C-alpha atoms as a PDB file:
ATOM      1  CA  MET A   1     -15.990  20.439 -17.393  1.00  0.00           C
ATOM      2  CA  ILE A   2     -16.046  17.689 -19.437  1.00  0.00           C
ATOM      3  CA  LYS A   3     -16.546  14.314 -17.589  1.00  0.00           C
ATOM      4  CA  LEU A   4     -13.979  11.288 -18.312  1.00  0.00           C
ATOM      5  CA  PRO A   5     -15.962   9.201 -20.815  1.00  0.00           C
ATOM      6  CA  LYS A   6     -17.980   5.859 -19.686  1.00  0.00           C
ATOM      7  CA  GLU A   7     -15.786   4.082 -22.763  1.00  0.00           C
ATOM      8  CA  ILE A   8     -11.891   4.301 -23.045  1.00  0.00           C
ATOM      9  CA  GLY A   9     -10.061   2.915 -26.332  1.00  0.00           C
ATOM     10  CA  LYS A  10      -6.456   2.339 -25.249  1.00  0.00           C
ATOM     11  CA  GLY A  11      -4.755   0.177 -28.665  1.00  0.00           C
ATOM     12  CA  LYS A  12      -6.068  -3.151 -28.621  1.00  0.00           C
ATOM     13  CA  PHE A  13      -8.054  -2.248 -24.959  1.00  0.00           C
ATOM     14  CA  VAL A  14     -11.372  -1.032 -24.170  1.00  0.00           C
ATOM     15  CA  LEU A  15     -11.588   1.010 -21.117  1.00  0.00           C
ATOM     16  CA  LYS A  16     -15.757   0.494 -19.798  1.00  0.00           C
ATOM     17  CA  GLN A  17     -16.586   2.118 -16.759  1.00  0.00           C
ATOM     18  CA  TYR A  18     -17.986  -0.615 -14.417  1.00  0.00           C
ATOM     19  CA  ALA A  19     -18.307   2.587 -11.209  1.00  0.00           C
ATOM     20  CA  ARG A  20     -18.439   5.701 -10.269  1.00  0.00           C
ATOM     21  CA  LYS A  21     -18.936   7.714  -7.065  1.00  0.00           C
ATOM     22  CA  GLY A  22     -17.133  10.656  -7.038  1.00  0.00           C
ATOM     23  CA  LYS A  23     -13.799  10.867  -7.768  1.00  0.00           C
ATOM     24  CA  TYR A  24     -13.165   7.093  -7.745  1.00  0.00           C
ATOM     25  CA  ALA A  25     -13.729   4.867 -10.742  1.00  0.00           C
ATOM     26  CA  LEU A  26     -13.874   1.116 -11.763  1.00  0.00           C
ATOM     27  CA  TYR A  27     -13.246   0.132 -14.825  1.00  0.00           C
ATOM     28  CA  GLU A  28     -12.822  -3.421 -17.082  1.00  0.00           C
ATOM     29  CA  LEU A  29     -10.652  -3.830 -18.809  1.00  0.00           C
ATOM     30  CA  TRP A  30     -11.938  -5.427 -22.327  1.00  0.00           C
ATOM     31  CA  LEU A  31      -9.477  -7.147 -24.997  1.00  0.00           C
ATOM     32  CA  LYS A  32     -11.010  -6.558 -28.240  1.00  0.00           C
ATOM     33  CA  ASP A  33     -12.074  -8.941 -29.954  1.00  0.00           C
ATOM     34  CA  GLU A  34      -9.941  -9.189 -33.643  1.00  0.00           C
ATOM     35  CA  HIS A  35      -6.588  -8.989 -30.444  1.00  0.00           C
ATOM     36  CA  ILE A  36      -7.587 -12.269 -29.201  1.00  0.00           C
ATOM     37  CA  ALA A  37      -5.130 -15.063 -30.292  1.00  0.00           C
ATOM     38  CA  CYS A  38      -4.285 -18.637 -29.253  1.00  0.00           C
ATOM     39  CA  ARG A  39      -7.840 -19.673 -28.973  1.00  0.00           C
ATOM     40  CA  ALA A  40      -9.245 -23.063 -29.715  1.00  0.00           C
ATOM     41  CA  LYS A  41     -10.798 -23.483 -32.910  1.00  0.00           C
ATOM     42  CA  ALA A  42     -13.041 -25.597 -30.986  1.00  0.00           C
ATOM     43  CA  ASP A  43     -13.904 -22.536 -28.549  1.00  0.00           C
ATOM     44  CA  PRO A  44     -14.235 -19.216 -30.802  1.00  0.00           C
ATOM     45  CA  PRO A  45     -13.925 -15.910 -29.120  1.00  0.00           C
ATOM     46  CA  GLU A  46     -17.523 -14.096 -28.961  1.00  0.00           C
ATOM     47  CA  GLY A  47     -16.726 -10.838 -29.029  1.00  0.00           C
ATOM     48  CA  ASP A  48     -14.445  -8.715 -26.345  1.00  0.00           C
ATOM     49  CA  VAL A  49     -12.941 -10.464 -23.363  1.00  0.00           C
ATOM     50  CA  VAL A  50     -12.501  -9.128 -20.196  1.00  0.00           C
ATOM     51  CA  ILE A  51      -9.432  -9.586 -19.184  1.00  0.00           C
ATOM     52  CA  GLY A  52      -8.269  -7.088 -15.886  1.00  0.00           C
ATOM     53  CA  TYR A  53      -9.987  -4.468 -13.681  1.00  0.00           C
ATOM     54  CA  GLU A  54      -8.558  -0.797 -12.948  1.00  0.00           C
ATOM     55  CA  VAL A  55      -9.498   1.142 -10.008  1.00  0.00           C
ATOM     56  CA  ILE A  56      -8.653   5.507 -10.333  1.00  0.00           C
ATOM     57  CA  ILE A  57      -8.329   8.266  -9.264  1.00  0.00           C
ATOM     58  CA  ILE A  58     -10.236  10.444 -11.339  1.00  0.00           C
ATOM     59  CA  ARG A  59      -8.090  13.668 -11.234  1.00  0.00           C
ATOM     60  CA  ARG A  60      -9.021  17.516 -12.319  1.00  0.00           C
ATOM     61  CA  LYS A  61      -7.221  19.552 -15.345  1.00  0.00           C
ATOM     62  CA  LYS A  62      -7.601  23.504 -15.433  1.00  0.00           C
ATOM     63  CA  ALA A  63      -8.236  24.775 -18.563  1.00  0.00           C
ATOM     64  CA  CYS A  64      -5.576  26.177 -20.395  1.00  0.00           C
ATOM     65  CA  GLU A  65      -4.860  28.159 -23.514  1.00  0.00           C
ATOM     66  CA  ILE A  66      -2.126  26.689 -25.763  1.00  0.00           C
ATOM     67  CA  MET A  67       0.141  28.638 -28.411  1.00  0.00           C
ATOM     68  CA  GLY A  68      -3.354  30.506 -29.208  1.00  0.00           C
ATOM     69  CA  THR A  69      -5.727  27.141 -28.676  1.00  0.00           C
ATOM     70  CA  GLN A  70      -8.243  26.854 -25.407  1.00  0.00           C
ATOM     71  CA  TYR A  71      -8.865  23.944 -23.963  1.00  0.00           C
ATOM     72  CA  PRO A  72     -11.910  22.980 -21.565  1.00  0.00           C
ATOM     73  CA  ALA A  73     -11.273  21.964 -17.796  1.00  0.00           C
ATOM     74  CA  LYS A  74     -11.576  18.316 -17.727  1.00  0.00           C
ATOM     75  CA  GLU A  75     -11.205  15.173 -16.264  1.00  0.00           C
ATOM     76  CA  ILE A  76      -8.863  12.752 -16.802  1.00  0.00           C
ATOM     77  CA  TYR A  77      -7.049   8.875 -16.204  1.00  0.00           C
ATOM     78  CA  PRO A  78      -4.325   8.972 -14.466  1.00  0.00           C
ATOM     79  CA  SER A  79      -0.938   8.005 -17.337  1.00  0.00           C
ATOM     80  CA  PRO A  80       1.290   5.154 -16.645  1.00  0.00           C
ATOM     81  CA  GLU A  81       3.436   7.489 -14.717  1.00  0.00           C
ATOM     82  CA  GLU A  82       0.897   7.346 -12.071  1.00  0.00           C
ATOM     83  CA  TRP A  83       0.222   3.711 -11.944  1.00  0.00           C
ATOM     84  CA  GLY A  84       0.218   2.734  -8.095  1.00  0.00           C
ATOM     85  CA  ARG A  85      -0.917   6.561  -6.786  1.00  0.00           C
ATOM     86  CA  PHE A  86      -3.320   7.039  -8.638  1.00  0.00           C
ATOM     87  CA  GLY A  87      -4.771   3.878 -10.781  1.00  0.00           C
ATOM     88  CA  TRP A  88      -4.460   0.029  -9.912  1.00  0.00           C
ATOM     89  CA  THR A  89      -4.770  -2.566 -12.451  1.00  0.00           C
ATOM     90  CA  TYR A  90      -5.965  -5.975 -10.342  1.00  0.00           C
ATOM     91  CA  ASN A  91      -7.318  -9.584 -12.516  1.00  0.00           C
ATOM     92  CA  ASN A  92     -10.762 -10.357 -10.489  1.00  0.00           C
ATOM     93  CA  PHE A  93     -13.646  -7.915  -9.813  1.00  0.00           C
ATOM     94  CA  ARG A  94     -13.630  -8.644  -6.004  1.00  0.00           C
ATOM     95  CA  ASP A  95      -9.962  -7.595  -5.163  1.00  0.00           C
ATOM     96  CA  ALA A  96     -10.996  -4.222  -7.765  1.00  0.00           C
ATOM     97  CA  ASN A  97     -13.797  -3.537  -6.147  1.00  0.00           C
ATOM     98  CA  ALA A  98     -12.760  -4.270  -2.381  1.00  0.00           C
ATOM     99  CA  HIS A  99      -9.852  -1.335  -3.591  1.00  0.00           C
ATOM    100  CA  LEU A 100     -13.118   0.706  -4.861  1.00  0.00           C
ATOM    101  CA  LYS A 101     -14.801   0.567  -2.044  1.00  0.00           C
ATOM    102  CA  GLN A 102     -11.577   1.420   0.427  1.00  0.00           C
ATOM    103  CA  LEU A 103     -10.969   4.548  -1.260  1.00  0.00           C
ATOM    104  CA  GLU A 104     -14.382   5.918  -0.748  1.00  0.00           C
ATOM    105  CA  ASN A 105     -14.784   4.871   3.048  1.00  0.00           C
ATOM    106  CA  CYS A 106     -11.189   7.258   3.456  1.00  0.00           C
ATOM    107  CA  ALA A 107     -12.364  10.372   1.655  1.00  0.00           C
END
């Protein structure tokens, strides 16, 4: 089983795993430094910037064969279509962490 990475690149964003409790995880959503714009010249960016948080339910995909190629079993991040059911976005850590704790307590 291939585990979900602790860091996931998504275009101009990077998701960094902050916490994981079994099948639930909290990721920080970072905007990469090279995409930070509209900043005052007196306050230049000093690296990536956290812009949000994502709470997810980690699911598993079984090993399979597609056109003769074997793919191992792996954990998967929710797709955009699954958002609201297996993943949620928050703009502050407090709300994201509260949701993660709620998911843990209901398991």
